[in-house]
Amino acid sequence: MAIINLNCVVSGRNPENETFTIEISNDKKYELLKHMVKERLAPLFNSIPSFYVHPPM
């Protein structure tokens, strides 16, 4: 089991302020990654359903 580090940028925002890294093991499902991104960006994404969040693949 490996740990994957994903560098994420919020599109349309200042990249210096909206760049972050999420760690997830490679045996976790993509759906969990969407929830992790949404949680990391709270309260900014609180009103956005997780199916609108599109982490990199």
PDB file of N, CA and C in Angstrom:
ATOM      1  N   MET A   1       0.854  -1.182   0.000  1.00  0.00           N
ATOM      2  CA  MET A   1       0.000   0.000   0.000  1.00  0.00           C
ATOM      3  C   MET A   1       0.893   1.237   0.000  1.00  0.00           C
ATOM      4  N   ALA A   2       0.727   2.083  -0.984  1.00  0.00           N
ATOM      5  CA  ALA A   2       1.509   3.306  -1.111  1.00  0.00           C
ATOM      6  C   ALA A   2       0.646   4.515  -0.775  1.00  0.00           C
ATOM      7  N   ILE A   3       1.305   5.564  -0.325  1.00  0.00           N
ATOM      8  CA  ILE A   3       0.623   6.830  -0.057  1.00  0.00           C
ATOM      9  C   ILE A   3       0.861   7.744  -1.253  1.00  0.00           C
ATOM     10  N   ILE A   4      -0.204   8.316  -1.764  1.00  0.00           N
ATOM     11  CA  ILE A   4      -0.136   9.228  -2.905  1.00  0.00           C
ATOM     12  C   ILE A   4      -0.352  10.644  -2.395  1.00  0.00           C
ATOM     13  N   ASN A   5       0.502  11.576  -2.829  1.00  0.00           N
ATOM     14  CA  ASN A   5       0.351  12.993  -2.517  1.00  0.00           C
ATOM     15  C   ASN A   5      -0.146  13.706  -3.760  1.00  0.00           C
ATOM     16  N   LEU A   6      -1.303  14.329  -3.665  1.00  0.00           N
ATOM     17  CA  LEU A   6      -1.865  15.080  -4.786  1.00  0.00           C
ATOM     18  C   LEU A   6      -1.788  16.567  -4.487  1.00  0.00           C
ATOM     19  N   ASN A   7      -1.163  17.315  -5.382  1.00  0.00           N
ATOM     20  CA  ASN A   7      -1.147  18.767  -5.273  1.00  0.00           C
ATOM     21  C   ASN A   7      -2.356  19.297  -6.019  1.00  0.00           C
ATOM     22  N   CYS A   8      -3.167  20.078  -5.340  1.00  0.00           N
ATOM     23  CA  CYS A   8      -4.425  20.569  -5.899  1.00  0.00           C
ATOM     24  C   CYS A   8      -4.429  22.091  -5.949  1.00  0.00           C
ATOM     25  N   VAL A   9      -5.079  22.636  -6.963  1.00  0.00           N
ATOM     26  CA  VAL A   9      -5.256  24.076  -7.117  1.00  0.00           C
ATOM     27  C   VAL A   9      -6.729  24.331  -7.381  1.00  0.00           C
ATOM     28  N   VAL A  10      -7.287  25.327  -6.705  1.00  0.00           N
ATOM     29  CA  VAL A  10      -8.679  25.699  -6.940  1.00  0.00           C
ATOM     30  C   VAL A  10      -8.716  26.580  -8.174  1.00  0.00           C
ATOM     31  N   SER A  11      -9.394  26.134  -9.213  1.00  0.00           N
ATOM     32  CA  SER A  11      -9.477  26.852 -10.482  1.00  0.00           C
ATOM     33  C   SER A  11     -10.154  28.201 -10.304  1.00  0.00           C
ATOM     34  N   GLY A  12      -9.565  29.230 -10.918  1.00  0.00           N
ATOM     35  CA  GLY A  12     -10.161  30.557 -10.878  1.00  0.00           C
ATOM     36  C   GLY A  12      -9.788  31.369  -9.660  1.00  0.00           C
ATOM     37  N   ARG A  13      -8.959  30.835  -8.793  1.00  0.00           N
ATOM     38  CA  ARG A  13      -8.548  31.534  -7.584  1.00  0.00           C
ATOM     39  C   ARG A  13      -7.049  31.814  -7.675  1.00  0.00           C
ATOM     40  N   ASN A  14      -6.533  32.600  -6.736  1.00  0.00           N
ATOM     41  CA  ASN A  14      -5.111  32.893  -6.678  1.00  0.00           C
ATOM     42  C   ASN A  14      -4.355  31.611  -6.318  1.00  0.00           C
ATOM     43  N   PRO A  15      -3.520  31.066  -7.214  1.00  0.00           N
ATOM     44  CA  PRO A  15      -2.848  29.792  -6.955  1.00  0.00           C
ATOM     45  C   PRO A  15      -1.970  29.797  -5.702  1.00  0.00           C
ATOM     46  N   GLU A  16      -1.395  30.940  -5.356  1.00  0.00           N
ATOM     47  CA  GLU A  16      -0.545  30.993  -4.170  1.00  0.00           C
ATOM     48  C   GLU A  16      -1.350  30.742  -2.905  1.00  0.00           C
ATOM     49  N   ASN A  17      -2.600  31.168  -2.888  1.00  0.00           N
ATOM     50  CA  ASN A  17      -3.438  31.015  -1.704  1.00  0.00           C
ATOM     51  C   ASN A  17      -4.275  29.752  -1.732  1.00  0.00           C
ATOM     52  N   GLU A  18      -4.496  29.168  -2.892  1.00  0.00           N
ATOM     53  CA  GLU A  18      -5.417  28.044  -3.017  1.00  0.00           C
ATOM     54  C   GLU A  18      -4.735  26.777  -3.526  1.00  0.00           C
ATOM     55  N   THR A  19      -3.474  26.591  -3.192  1.00  0.00           N
ATOM     56  CA  THR A  19      -2.759  25.371  -3.524  1.00  0.00           C
ATOM     57  C   THR A  19      -2.621  24.552  -2.245  1.00  0.00           C
ATOM     58  N   PHE A  20      -2.929  23.264  -2.316  1.00  0.00           N
ATOM     59  CA  PHE A  20      -2.837  22.416  -1.133  1.00  0.00           C
ATOM     60  C   PHE A  20      -2.534  20.987  -1.560  1.00  0.00           C
ATOM     61  N   THR A  21      -2.082  20.185  -0.617  1.00  0.00           N
ATOM     62  CA  THR A  21      -1.742  18.788  -0.873  1.00  0.00           C
ATOM     63  C   THR A  21      -2.657  17.890  -0.055  1.00  0.00           C
ATOM     64  N   ILE A  22      -3.112  16.818  -0.676  1.00  0.00           N
ATOM     65  CA  ILE A  22      -3.914  15.809   0.009  1.00  0.00           C
ATOM     66  C   ILE A  22      -3.177  14.482  -0.104  1.00  0.00           C
ATOM     67  N   GLU A  23      -3.072  13.775   1.024  1.00  0.00           N
ATOM     68  CA  GLU A  23      -2.473  12.443   1.042  1.00  0.00           C
ATOM     69  C   GLU A  23      -3.582  11.402   1.123  1.00  0.00           C
ATOM     70  N   ILE A  24      -3.452  10.373   0.294  1.00  0.00           N
ATOM     71  CA  ILE A  24      -4.430   9.284   0.300  1.00  0.00           C
ATOM     72  C   ILE A  24      -3.704   8.007  -0.105  1.00  0.00           C
ATOM     73  N   SER A  25      -4.088   6.887   0.486  1.00  0.00           N
ATOM     74  CA  SER A  25      -3.453   5.620   0.110  1.00  0.00           C
ATOM     75  C   SER A  25      -4.051   5.131  -1.208  1.00  0.00           C
ATOM     76  N   ASN A  26      -3.258   4.382  -1.945  1.00  0.00           N
ATOM     77  CA  ASN A  26      -3.700   3.966  -3.279  1.00  0.00           C
ATOM     78  C   ASN A  26      -4.788   2.898  -3.252  1.00  0.00           C
ATOM     79  N   ASP A  27      -5.162   2.405  -2.075  1.00  0.00           N
ATOM     80  CA  ASP A  27      -6.251   1.431  -2.006  1.00  0.00           C
ATOM     81  C   ASP A  27      -7.600   2.078  -1.679  1.00  0.00           C
ATOM     82  N   LYS A  28      -7.639   3.407  -1.583  1.00  0.00           N
ATOM     83  CA  LYS A  28      -8.887   4.122  -1.295  1.00  0.00           C
ATOM     84  C   LYS A  28      -9.610   4.454  -2.593  1.00  0.00           C
ATOM     85  N   LYS A  29     -10.904   4.605  -2.509  1.00  0.00           N
ATOM     86  CA  LYS A  29     -11.719   4.892  -3.685  1.00  0.00           C
ATOM     87  C   LYS A  29     -11.693   6.379  -4.034  1.00  0.00           C
ATOM     88  N   TYR A  30     -11.916   6.653  -5.318  1.00  0.00           N
ATOM     89  CA  TYR A  30     -11.949   8.022  -5.836  1.00  0.00           C
ATOM     90  C   TYR A  30     -13.009   8.861  -5.122  1.00  0.00           C
ATOM     91  N   GLU A  31     -14.131   8.267  -4.782  1.00  0.00           N
ATOM     92  CA  GLU A  31     -15.215   8.992  -4.111  1.00  0.00           C
ATOM     93  C   GLU A  31     -14.743   9.569  -2.778  1.00  0.00           C
ATOM     94  N   LEU A  32     -13.889   8.849  -2.055  1.00  0.00           N
ATOM     95  CA  LEU A  32     -13.345   9.352  -0.793  1.00  0.00           C
ATOM     96  C   LEU A  32     -12.481  10.580  -1.043  1.00  0.00           C
ATOM     97  N   LEU A  33     -11.736  10.586  -2.122  1.00  0.00           N
ATOM     98  CA  LEU A  33     -10.891  11.729  -2.464  1.00  0.00           C
ATOM     99  C   LEU A  33     -11.735  12.985  -2.652  1.00  0.00           C
ATOM    100  N   LYS A  34     -12.878  12.862  -3.286  1.00  0.00           N
ATOM    101  CA  LYS A  34     -13.771  14.006  -3.485  1.00  0.00           C
ATOM    102  C   LYS A  34     -14.209  14.592  -2.148  1.00  0.00           C
ATOM    103  N   HIS A  35     -14.532  13.730  -1.197  1.00  0.00           N
ATOM    104  CA  HIS A  35     -14.945  14.197   0.125  1.00  0.00           C
ATOM    105  C   HIS A  35     -13.776  14.839   0.877  1.00  0.00           C
ATOM    106  N   MET A  36     -12.572  14.317   0.691  1.00  0.00           N
ATOM    107  CA  MET A  36     -11.394  14.892   1.342  1.00  0.00           C
ATOM    108  C   MET A  36     -11.115  16.298   0.817  1.00  0.00           C
ATOM    109  N   VAL A  37     -11.256  16.498  -0.492  1.00  0.00           N
ATOM    110  CA  VAL A  37     -11.054  17.827  -1.078  1.00  0.00           C
ATOM    111  C   VAL A  37     -12.097  18.792  -0.532  1.00  0.00           C
ATOM    112  N   LYS A  38     -13.333  18.380  -0.506  1.00  0.00           N
ATOM    113  CA  LYS A  38     -14.407  19.241  -0.009  1.00  0.00           C
ATOM    114  C   LYS A  38     -14.175  19.601   1.454  1.00  0.00           C
ATOM    115  N   GLU A  39     -13.771  18.635   2.265  1.00  0.00           N
ATOM    116  CA  GLU A  39     -13.503  18.888   3.680  1.00  0.00           C
ATOM    117  C   GLU A  39     -12.339  19.851   3.854  1.00  0.00           C
ATOM    118  N   ARG A  40     -11.296  19.685   3.033  1.00  0.00           N
ATOM    119  CA  ARG A  40     -10.107  20.543   3.116  1.00  0.00           C
ATOM    120  C   ARG A  40     -10.451  21.990   2.776  1.00  0.00           C
ATOM    121  N   LEU A  41     -11.420  22.201   1.901  1.00  0.00           N
ATOM    122  CA  LEU A  41     -11.770  23.545   1.455  1.00  0.00           C
ATOM    123  C   LEU A  41     -12.958  24.145   2.208  1.00  0.00           C
ATOM    124  N   ALA A  42     -13.395  23.503   3.269  1.00  0.00           N
ATOM    125  CA  ALA A  42     -14.476  24.073   4.092  1.00  0.00           C
ATOM    126  C   ALA A  42     -13.973  25.373   4.717  1.00  0.00           C
ATOM    127  N   PRO A  43     -14.764  26.377   4.833  1.00  0.00           N
ATOM    128  CA  PRO A  43     -16.173  26.508   4.502  1.00  0.00           C
ATOM    129  C   PRO A  43     -16.430  26.935   3.056  1.00  0.00           C
ATOM    130  N   LEU A  44     -15.369  27.115   2.255  1.00  0.00           N
ATOM    131  CA  LEU A  44     -15.520  27.578   0.876  1.00  0.00           C
ATOM    132  C   LEU A  44     -16.449  26.679   0.065  1.00  0.00           C
ATOM    133  N   PHE A  45     -16.375  25.369   0.262  1.00  0.00           N
ATOM    134  CA  PHE A  45     -17.163  24.418  -0.522  1.00  0.00           C
ATOM    135  C   PHE A  45     -18.359  23.858   0.234  1.00  0.00           C
ATOM    136  N   ASN A  46     -18.724  24.424   1.362  1.00  0.00           N
ATOM    137  CA  ASN A  46     -19.822  23.871   2.163  1.00  0.00           C
ATOM    138  C   ASN A  46     -21.135  23.782   1.397  1.00  0.00           C
ATOM    139  N   SER A  47     -21.400  24.712   0.520  1.00  0.00           N
ATOM    140  CA  SER A  47     -22.680  24.718  -0.195  1.00  0.00           C
ATOM    141  C   SER A  47     -22.627  23.950  -1.522  1.00  0.00           C
ATOM    142  N   ILE A  48     -21.490  23.333  -1.828  1.00  0.00           N
ATOM    143  CA  ILE A  48     -21.325  22.614  -3.091  1.00  0.00           C
ATOM    144  C   ILE A  48     -21.409  21.111  -2.831  1.00  0.00           C
ATOM    145  N   PRO A  49     -22.325  20.399  -3.485  1.00  0.00           N
ATOM    146  CA  PRO A  49     -22.394  18.940  -3.321  1.00  0.00           C
ATOM    147  C   PRO A  49     -21.099  18.283  -3.809  1.00  0.00           C
ATOM    148  N   SER A  50     -20.688  17.203  -3.175  1.00  0.00           N
ATOM    149  CA  SER A  50     -19.404  16.581  -3.514  1.00  0.00           C
ATOM    150  C   SER A  50     -19.355  16.039  -4.940  1.00  0.00           C
ATOM    151  N   PHE A  51     -20.509  15.782  -5.572  1.00  0.00           N
ATOM    152  CA  PHE A  51     -20.447  15.303  -6.962  1.00  0.00           C
ATOM    153  C   PHE A  51     -20.030  16.407  -7.932  1.00  0.00           C
ATOM    154  N   TYR A  52     -19.981  17.679  -7.495  1.00  0.00           N
ATOM    155  CA  TYR A  52     -19.461  18.769  -8.320  1.00  0.00           C
ATOM    156  C   TYR A  52     -17.960  18.966  -8.137  1.00  0.00           C
ATOM    157  N   VAL A  53     -17.364  18.298  -7.168  1.00  0.00           N
ATOM    158  CA  VAL A  53     -15.927  18.399  -6.920  1.00  0.00           C
ATOM    159  C   VAL A  53     -15.232  17.402  -7.835  1.00  0.00           C
ATOM    160  N   HIS A  54     -14.241  17.871  -8.608  1.00  0.00           N
ATOM    161  CA  HIS A  54     -13.547  17.016  -9.573  1.00  0.00           C
ATOM    162  C   HIS A  54     -12.045  17.031  -9.305  1.00  0.00           C
ATOM    163  N   PRO A  55     -11.572  16.180  -8.377  1.00  0.00           N
ATOM    164  CA  PRO A  55     -10.128  16.090  -8.142  1.00  0.00           C
ATOM    165  C   PRO A  55      -9.431  15.506  -9.366  1.00  0.00           C
ATOM    166  N   PRO A  56      -8.114  15.714  -9.462  1.00  0.00           N
ATOM    167  CA  PRO A  56      -7.379  15.167 -10.607  1.00  0.00           C
ATOM    168  C   PRO A  56      -7.420  13.648 -10.609  1.00  0.00           C
ATOM    169  N   MET A  57      -7.356  13.072 -11.800  1.00  0.00           N
ATOM    170  CA  MET A  57      -7.327  11.604 -11.909  1.00  0.00           C
ATOM    171  C   MET A  57      -6.024  11.186 -12.536  1.00  0.00           C
TER     172      MET A  57
END
